[in-house]
Amino acid sequence: MSPNRQRQIYYAFKEKCVWRPEHETQLAQNFKKKAQRLLSDMLGRVCESNKKPKWILPGNYAKLLHYWATNERFLQLSDIGKKARNSTKGGSLHTSGATSQDAVRRKLASLP
């Protein structure tokens, strides 16, 4: 999505909500993170279902299908994710996202 379109969406959001000026930077960062996550989840469901939703234009859907079928990086990450989800290695699966198991262990050890 172009930076211009991102700004348009953010400004439309700003018209409906009010906050103090000192919170602008943090709020913009939070909005961007949540919007990226939401779009990523929506596109993931589209990729899995293999059906064009109403909100994606036909030309853009064709481009997405081509990207998902040919982009080396996307295919590599997809394969890594499939292998990780299907893994039964060890006594437990690593399910803490980008946080390392050692960091999770330290965090849990520090809890009261």
N, C-alpha and C. Protein backbone atom coordinates (compact mmCIF):
# COMPACT_ATOMS: atom_id res chain seq x y z
N MET A 1 0.85 -1.17 0.00
CA MET A 1 0.00 0.00 0.00
C MET A 1 0.90 1.24 0.00
N SER A 2 0.54 2.19 -0.79
CA SER A 2 1.37 3.38 -0.91
C SER A 2 1.33 4.20 0.38
N PRO A 3 2.40 4.93 0.67
CA PRO A 3 2.41 5.80 1.86
C PRO A 3 1.27 6.82 1.83
N ASN A 4 0.93 7.31 0.65
CA ASN A 4 -0.16 8.27 0.52
C ASN A 4 -1.49 7.64 0.97
N ARG A 5 -1.73 6.40 0.53
CA ARG A 5 -2.97 5.71 0.92
C ARG A 5 -2.97 5.42 2.42
N GLN A 6 -1.83 5.08 2.97
CA GLN A 6 -1.72 4.84 4.42
C GLN A 6 -2.10 6.10 5.19
N ARG A 7 -1.58 7.26 4.72
CA ARG A 7 -1.92 8.53 5.39
C ARG A 7 -3.41 8.82 5.29
N GLN A 8 -4.02 8.55 4.14
CA GLN A 8 -5.46 8.78 3.97
C GLN A 8 -6.26 7.96 4.99
N ILE A 9 -5.89 6.72 5.16
CA ILE A 9 -6.60 5.85 6.11
C ILE A 9 -6.40 6.37 7.54
N TYR A 10 -5.17 6.76 7.87
CA TYR A 10 -4.89 7.27 9.21
C TYR A 10 -5.67 8.56 9.47
N TYR A 11 -5.72 9.45 8.50
CA TYR A 11 -6.45 10.71 8.69
C TYR A 11 -7.96 10.47 8.80
N ALA A 12 -8.47 9.49 8.12
CA ALA A 12 -9.89 9.13 8.27
C ALA A 12 -10.15 8.63 9.68
N PHE A 13 -9.20 7.88 10.23
CA PHE A 13 -9.30 7.41 11.61
C PHE A 13 -9.26 8.59 12.58
N LYS A 14 -8.36 9.55 12.32
CA LYS A 14 -8.22 10.72 13.19
C LYS A 14 -9.50 11.56 13.23
N GLU A 15 -10.28 11.55 12.15
CA GLU A 15 -11.52 12.33 12.13
C GLU A 15 -12.57 11.76 13.09
N LYS A 16 -12.46 10.50 13.41
CA LYS A 16 -13.46 9.85 14.25
C LYS A 16 -13.03 9.73 15.71
N CYS A 17 -11.75 9.98 15.99
CA CYS A 17 -11.22 9.82 17.34
C CYS A 17 -10.48 11.08 17.79
N VAL A 18 -10.37 11.24 19.11
CA VAL A 18 -9.69 12.41 19.67
C VAL A 18 -8.71 11.94 20.72
N TRP A 19 -7.52 12.55 20.75
CA TRP A 19 -6.52 12.26 21.76
C TRP A 19 -5.66 13.48 21.96
N ARG A 20 -4.90 13.46 23.03
CA ARG A 20 -4.02 14.59 23.33
C ARG A 20 -2.84 14.62 22.36
N PRO A 21 -2.39 15.82 22.01
CA PRO A 21 -1.29 15.95 21.05
C PRO A 21 -0.01 15.20 21.45
N GLU A 22 0.26 15.12 22.75
CA GLU A 22 1.49 14.45 23.19
C GLU A 22 1.46 12.93 22.94
N HIS A 23 0.28 12.39 22.63
CA HIS A 23 0.15 10.95 22.37
C HIS A 23 0.16 10.63 20.86
N GLU A 24 0.32 11.65 20.03
CA GLU A 24 0.23 11.47 18.58
C GLU A 24 1.22 10.44 18.04
N THR A 25 2.48 10.54 18.42
CA THR A 25 3.51 9.64 17.89
C THR A 25 3.22 8.20 18.28
N GLN A 26 2.95 7.96 19.56
CA GLN A 26 2.68 6.59 20.01
C GLN A 26 1.41 6.05 19.38
N LEU A 27 0.40 6.88 19.28
CA LEU A 27 -0.85 6.43 18.69
C LEU A 27 -0.67 6.07 17.21
N ALA A 28 0.09 6.87 16.48
CA ALA A 28 0.34 6.58 15.06
C ALA A 28 1.10 5.26 14.91
N GLN A 29 2.06 5.01 15.78
CA GLN A 29 2.81 3.75 15.73
C GLN A 29 1.89 2.56 16.03
N ASN A 30 1.05 2.70 17.06
CA ASN A 30 0.12 1.63 17.41
C ASN A 30 -0.86 1.37 16.27
N PHE A 31 -1.37 2.44 15.67
CA PHE A 31 -2.31 2.29 14.57
C PHE A 31 -1.67 1.53 13.42
N LYS A 32 -0.43 1.89 13.08
CA LYS A 32 0.26 1.25 11.97
C LYS A 32 0.48 -0.24 12.26
N LYS A 33 0.92 -0.56 13.47
CA LYS A 33 1.15 -1.96 13.84
C LYS A 33 -0.13 -2.78 13.75
N LYS A 34 -1.20 -2.23 14.32
CA LYS A 34 -2.46 -2.96 14.31
C LYS A 34 -3.03 -3.11 12.90
N ALA A 35 -2.89 -2.07 12.09
CA ALA A 35 -3.37 -2.13 10.71
C ALA A 35 -2.57 -3.16 9.91
N GLN A 36 -1.26 -3.19 10.11
CA GLN A 36 -0.43 -4.18 9.41
C GLN A 36 -0.83 -5.59 9.80
N ARG A 37 -1.04 -5.80 11.09
CA ARG A 37 -1.40 -7.13 11.58
C ARG A 37 -2.77 -7.56 11.04
N LEU A 38 -3.72 -6.63 11.06
CA LEU A 38 -5.06 -6.93 10.56
C LEU A 38 -5.02 -7.28 9.08
N LEU A 39 -4.31 -6.49 8.29
CA LEU A 39 -4.21 -6.75 6.85
C LEU A 39 -3.49 -8.08 6.59
N SER A 40 -2.44 -8.33 7.35
CA SER A 40 -1.71 -9.59 7.20
C SER A 40 -2.61 -10.79 7.50
N ASP A 41 -3.38 -10.70 8.57
CA ASP A 41 -4.31 -11.78 8.92
C ASP A 41 -5.38 -11.97 7.84
N MET A 42 -5.91 -10.86 7.34
CA MET A 42 -6.93 -10.94 6.30
C MET A 42 -6.38 -11.58 5.03
N LEU A 43 -5.18 -11.17 4.63
CA LEU A 43 -4.56 -11.74 3.43
C LEU A 43 -4.20 -13.21 3.64
N GLY A 44 -3.82 -13.57 4.86
CA GLY A 44 -3.53 -14.97 5.17
C GLY A 44 -4.76 -15.84 4.99
N ARG A 45 -5.91 -15.34 5.45
CA ARG A 45 -7.16 -16.10 5.28
C ARG A 45 -7.52 -16.21 3.79
N VAL A 46 -7.27 -15.14 3.02
CA VAL A 46 -7.54 -15.17 1.58
C VAL A 46 -6.65 -16.22 0.91
N CYS A 47 -5.38 -16.24 1.27
CA CYS A 47 -4.42 -17.19 0.69
C CYS A 47 -4.84 -18.63 1.00
N GLU A 48 -5.27 -18.87 2.23
CA GLU A 48 -5.68 -20.23 2.63
C GLU A 48 -6.97 -20.65 1.94
N SER A 49 -7.92 -19.74 1.81
CA SER A 49 -9.22 -20.09 1.26
C SER A 49 -9.19 -20.23 -0.26
N ASN A 50 -8.24 -19.54 -0.90
CA ASN A 50 -8.12 -19.57 -2.36
C ASN A 50 -9.39 -19.07 -3.05
N LYS A 51 -10.11 -18.15 -2.39
CA LYS A 51 -11.30 -17.52 -2.97
C LYS A 51 -11.14 -16.01 -2.90
N LYS A 52 -11.51 -15.31 -3.97
CA LYS A 52 -11.39 -13.85 -4.00
C LYS A 52 -12.49 -13.22 -3.16
N PRO A 53 -12.12 -12.44 -2.14
CA PRO A 53 -13.12 -11.72 -1.38
C PRO A 53 -13.61 -10.48 -2.13
N LYS A 54 -14.73 -9.94 -1.72
CA LYS A 54 -15.31 -8.77 -2.39
C LYS A 54 -14.43 -7.53 -2.27
N TRP A 55 -13.64 -7.42 -1.21
CA TRP A 55 -12.90 -6.20 -0.96
C TRP A 55 -11.59 -6.11 -1.75
N ILE A 56 -11.21 -7.15 -2.49
CA ILE A 56 -10.01 -7.09 -3.32
C ILE A 56 -10.42 -6.98 -4.78
N LEU A 57 -9.89 -6.00 -5.48
CA LEU A 57 -10.19 -5.84 -6.90
C LEU A 57 -9.63 -7.02 -7.69
N PRO A 58 -10.32 -7.43 -8.77
CA PRO A 58 -9.86 -8.60 -9.54
C PRO A 58 -8.40 -8.52 -10.01
N GLY A 59 -7.98 -7.36 -10.49
CA GLY A 59 -6.59 -7.21 -10.93
C GLY A 59 -5.60 -7.39 -9.80
N ASN A 60 -5.95 -6.86 -8.62
CA ASN A 60 -5.07 -7.00 -7.47
C ASN A 60 -5.04 -8.45 -6.97
N TYR A 61 -6.18 -9.13 -7.07
CA TYR A 61 -6.22 -10.53 -6.64
C TYR A 61 -5.32 -11.38 -7.54
N ALA A 62 -5.34 -11.11 -8.83
CA ALA A 62 -4.47 -11.83 -9.77
C ALA A 62 -3.00 -11.59 -9.42
N LYS A 63 -2.65 -10.36 -9.05
CA LYS A 63 -1.28 -10.05 -8.66
C LYS A 63 -0.88 -10.79 -7.39
N LEU A 64 -1.81 -10.86 -6.43
CA LEU A 64 -1.53 -11.60 -5.20
C LEU A 64 -1.30 -13.08 -5.48
N LEU A 65 -2.15 -13.67 -6.30
CA LEU A 65 -1.99 -15.09 -6.64
C LEU A 65 -0.63 -15.34 -7.29
N HIS A 66 -0.23 -14.44 -8.19
CA HIS A 66 1.07 -14.57 -8.85
C HIS A 66 2.20 -14.45 -7.81
N TYR A 67 2.09 -13.48 -6.92
CA TYR A 67 3.11 -13.28 -5.87
C TYR A 67 3.23 -14.51 -4.99
N TRP A 68 2.08 -15.02 -4.52
CA TRP A 68 2.09 -16.18 -3.63
C TRP A 68 2.66 -17.42 -4.33
N ALA A 69 2.52 -17.52 -5.62
CA ALA A 69 2.97 -18.70 -6.36
C ALA A 69 4.43 -18.60 -6.82
N THR A 70 4.98 -17.36 -6.91
CA THR A 70 6.30 -17.23 -7.51
C THR A 70 7.35 -16.54 -6.65
N ASN A 71 6.98 -15.79 -5.64
CA ASN A 71 7.97 -15.04 -4.85
C ASN A 71 8.78 -16.00 -3.99
N GLU A 72 10.09 -16.05 -4.23
CA GLU A 72 10.96 -16.98 -3.52
C GLU A 72 10.94 -16.78 -2.01
N ARG A 73 11.00 -15.53 -1.57
CA ARG A 73 11.03 -15.24 -0.12
C ARG A 73 9.72 -15.68 0.52
N PHE A 74 8.59 -15.37 -0.11
CA PHE A 74 7.29 -15.78 0.43
C PHE A 74 7.21 -17.29 0.53
N LEU A 75 7.63 -17.99 -0.53
CA LEU A 75 7.58 -19.45 -0.53
C LEU A 75 8.49 -20.05 0.53
N GLN A 76 9.66 -19.44 0.71
CA GLN A 76 10.60 -19.92 1.72
C GLN A 76 10.02 -19.76 3.12
N LEU A 77 9.48 -18.59 3.42
CA LEU A 77 8.89 -18.36 4.75
C LEU A 77 7.67 -19.25 4.96
N SER A 78 6.89 -19.46 3.92
CA SER A 78 5.73 -20.33 4.02
C SER A 78 6.15 -21.75 4.36
N ASP A 79 7.20 -22.22 3.70
CA ASP A 79 7.70 -23.58 3.95
C ASP A 79 8.24 -23.71 5.37
N ILE A 80 8.97 -22.71 5.83
CA ILE A 80 9.50 -22.73 7.19
C ILE A 80 8.36 -22.79 8.20
N GLY A 81 7.32 -21.97 7.98
CA GLY A 81 6.17 -21.96 8.87
C GLY A 81 5.44 -23.29 8.89
N LYS A 82 5.26 -23.92 7.72
CA LYS A 82 4.60 -25.23 7.65
C LYS A 82 5.38 -26.27 8.44
N LYS A 83 6.70 -26.28 8.25
CA LYS A 83 7.54 -27.25 8.97
C LYS A 83 7.47 -27.02 10.48
N ALA A 84 7.48 -25.77 10.90
CA ALA A 84 7.42 -25.46 12.33
C ALA A 84 6.08 -25.89 12.92
N ARG A 85 4.99 -25.65 12.20
CA ARG A 85 3.67 -26.03 12.71
C ARG A 85 3.50 -27.54 12.78
N ASN A 86 4.14 -28.26 11.87
CA ASN A 86 3.99 -29.71 11.82
C ASN A 86 5.02 -30.45 12.67
N SER A 87 5.93 -29.72 13.29
CA SER A 87 7.00 -30.34 14.06
C SER A 87 6.47 -30.96 15.35
N THR A 88 6.97 -32.14 15.65
CA THR A 88 6.65 -32.78 16.93
C THR A 88 7.95 -33.09 17.67
N LYS A 89 9.02 -32.44 17.26
CA LYS A 89 10.35 -32.65 17.84
C LYS A 89 10.36 -32.18 19.29
N GLY A 90 10.94 -32.98 20.17
CA GLY A 90 11.08 -32.60 21.56
C GLY A 90 9.80 -32.77 22.35
N GLY A 91 9.86 -32.38 23.62
CA GLY A 91 8.71 -32.56 24.50
C GLY A 91 7.66 -31.48 24.37
N SER A 92 8.04 -30.34 23.84
CA SER A 92 7.07 -29.27 23.68
C SER A 92 7.41 -28.48 22.42
N LEU A 93 6.42 -27.82 21.90
CA LEU A 93 6.62 -27.01 20.71
C LEU A 93 6.95 -25.59 21.10
N HIS A 94 7.75 -24.92 20.29
CA HIS A 94 8.07 -23.50 20.50
C HIS A 94 6.90 -22.67 19.99
N THR A 95 6.13 -22.10 20.89
CA THR A 95 4.92 -21.37 20.49
C THR A 95 4.91 -19.93 20.98
N SER A 96 6.07 -19.38 21.26
CA SER A 96 6.12 -18.02 21.81
C SER A 96 6.48 -16.98 20.77
N GLY A 97 6.28 -17.27 19.50
CA GLY A 97 6.52 -16.28 18.46
C GLY A 97 7.99 -15.97 18.30
N ALA A 98 8.30 -14.67 18.14
CA ALA A 98 9.67 -14.25 17.89
C ALA A 98 10.53 -14.25 19.15
N THR A 99 9.92 -14.43 20.31
CA THR A 99 10.66 -14.46 21.56
C THR A 99 11.36 -15.81 21.69
N SER A 100 12.64 -15.80 22.03
CA SER A 100 13.38 -17.06 22.15
C SER A 100 12.89 -17.83 23.36
N GLN A 101 13.10 -19.15 23.33
CA GLN A 101 12.68 -19.98 24.46
C GLN A 101 13.45 -19.59 25.72
N ASP A 102 14.72 -19.21 25.57
CA ASP A 102 15.51 -18.81 26.72
C ASP A 102 14.94 -17.54 27.36
N ALA A 103 14.51 -16.57 26.53
CA ALA A 103 13.91 -15.35 27.06
C ALA A 103 12.60 -15.65 27.77
N VAL A 104 11.80 -16.55 27.22
CA VAL A 104 10.54 -16.94 27.87
C VAL A 104 10.83 -17.62 29.19
N ARG A 105 11.84 -18.51 29.21
CA ARG A 105 12.22 -19.20 30.44
C ARG A 105 12.61 -18.22 31.54
N ARG A 106 13.45 -17.21 31.18
CA ARG A 106 13.86 -16.19 32.15
C ARG A 106 12.66 -15.39 32.66
N LYS A 107 11.77 -15.05 31.75
CA LYS A 107 10.59 -14.28 32.13
C LYS A 107 9.71 -15.07 33.09
N LEU A 108 9.50 -16.34 32.80
CA LEU A 108 8.68 -17.17 33.67
C LEU A 108 9.34 -17.39 35.02
N ALA A 109 10.66 -17.50 35.04
CA ALA A 109 11.40 -17.69 36.28
C ALA A 109 11.31 -16.45 37.17
N SER A 110 11.15 -15.28 36.58
CA SER A 110 11.10 -14.03 37.35
C SER A 110 9.71 -13.73 37.90
N LEU A 111 8.69 -14.50 37.48
CA LEU A 111 7.34 -14.27 37.98
C LEU A 111 7.23 -14.69 39.44
N PRO A 112 6.41 -13.98 40.22
CA PRO A 112 6.28 -14.34 41.64
C PRO A 112 5.61 -15.68 41.86
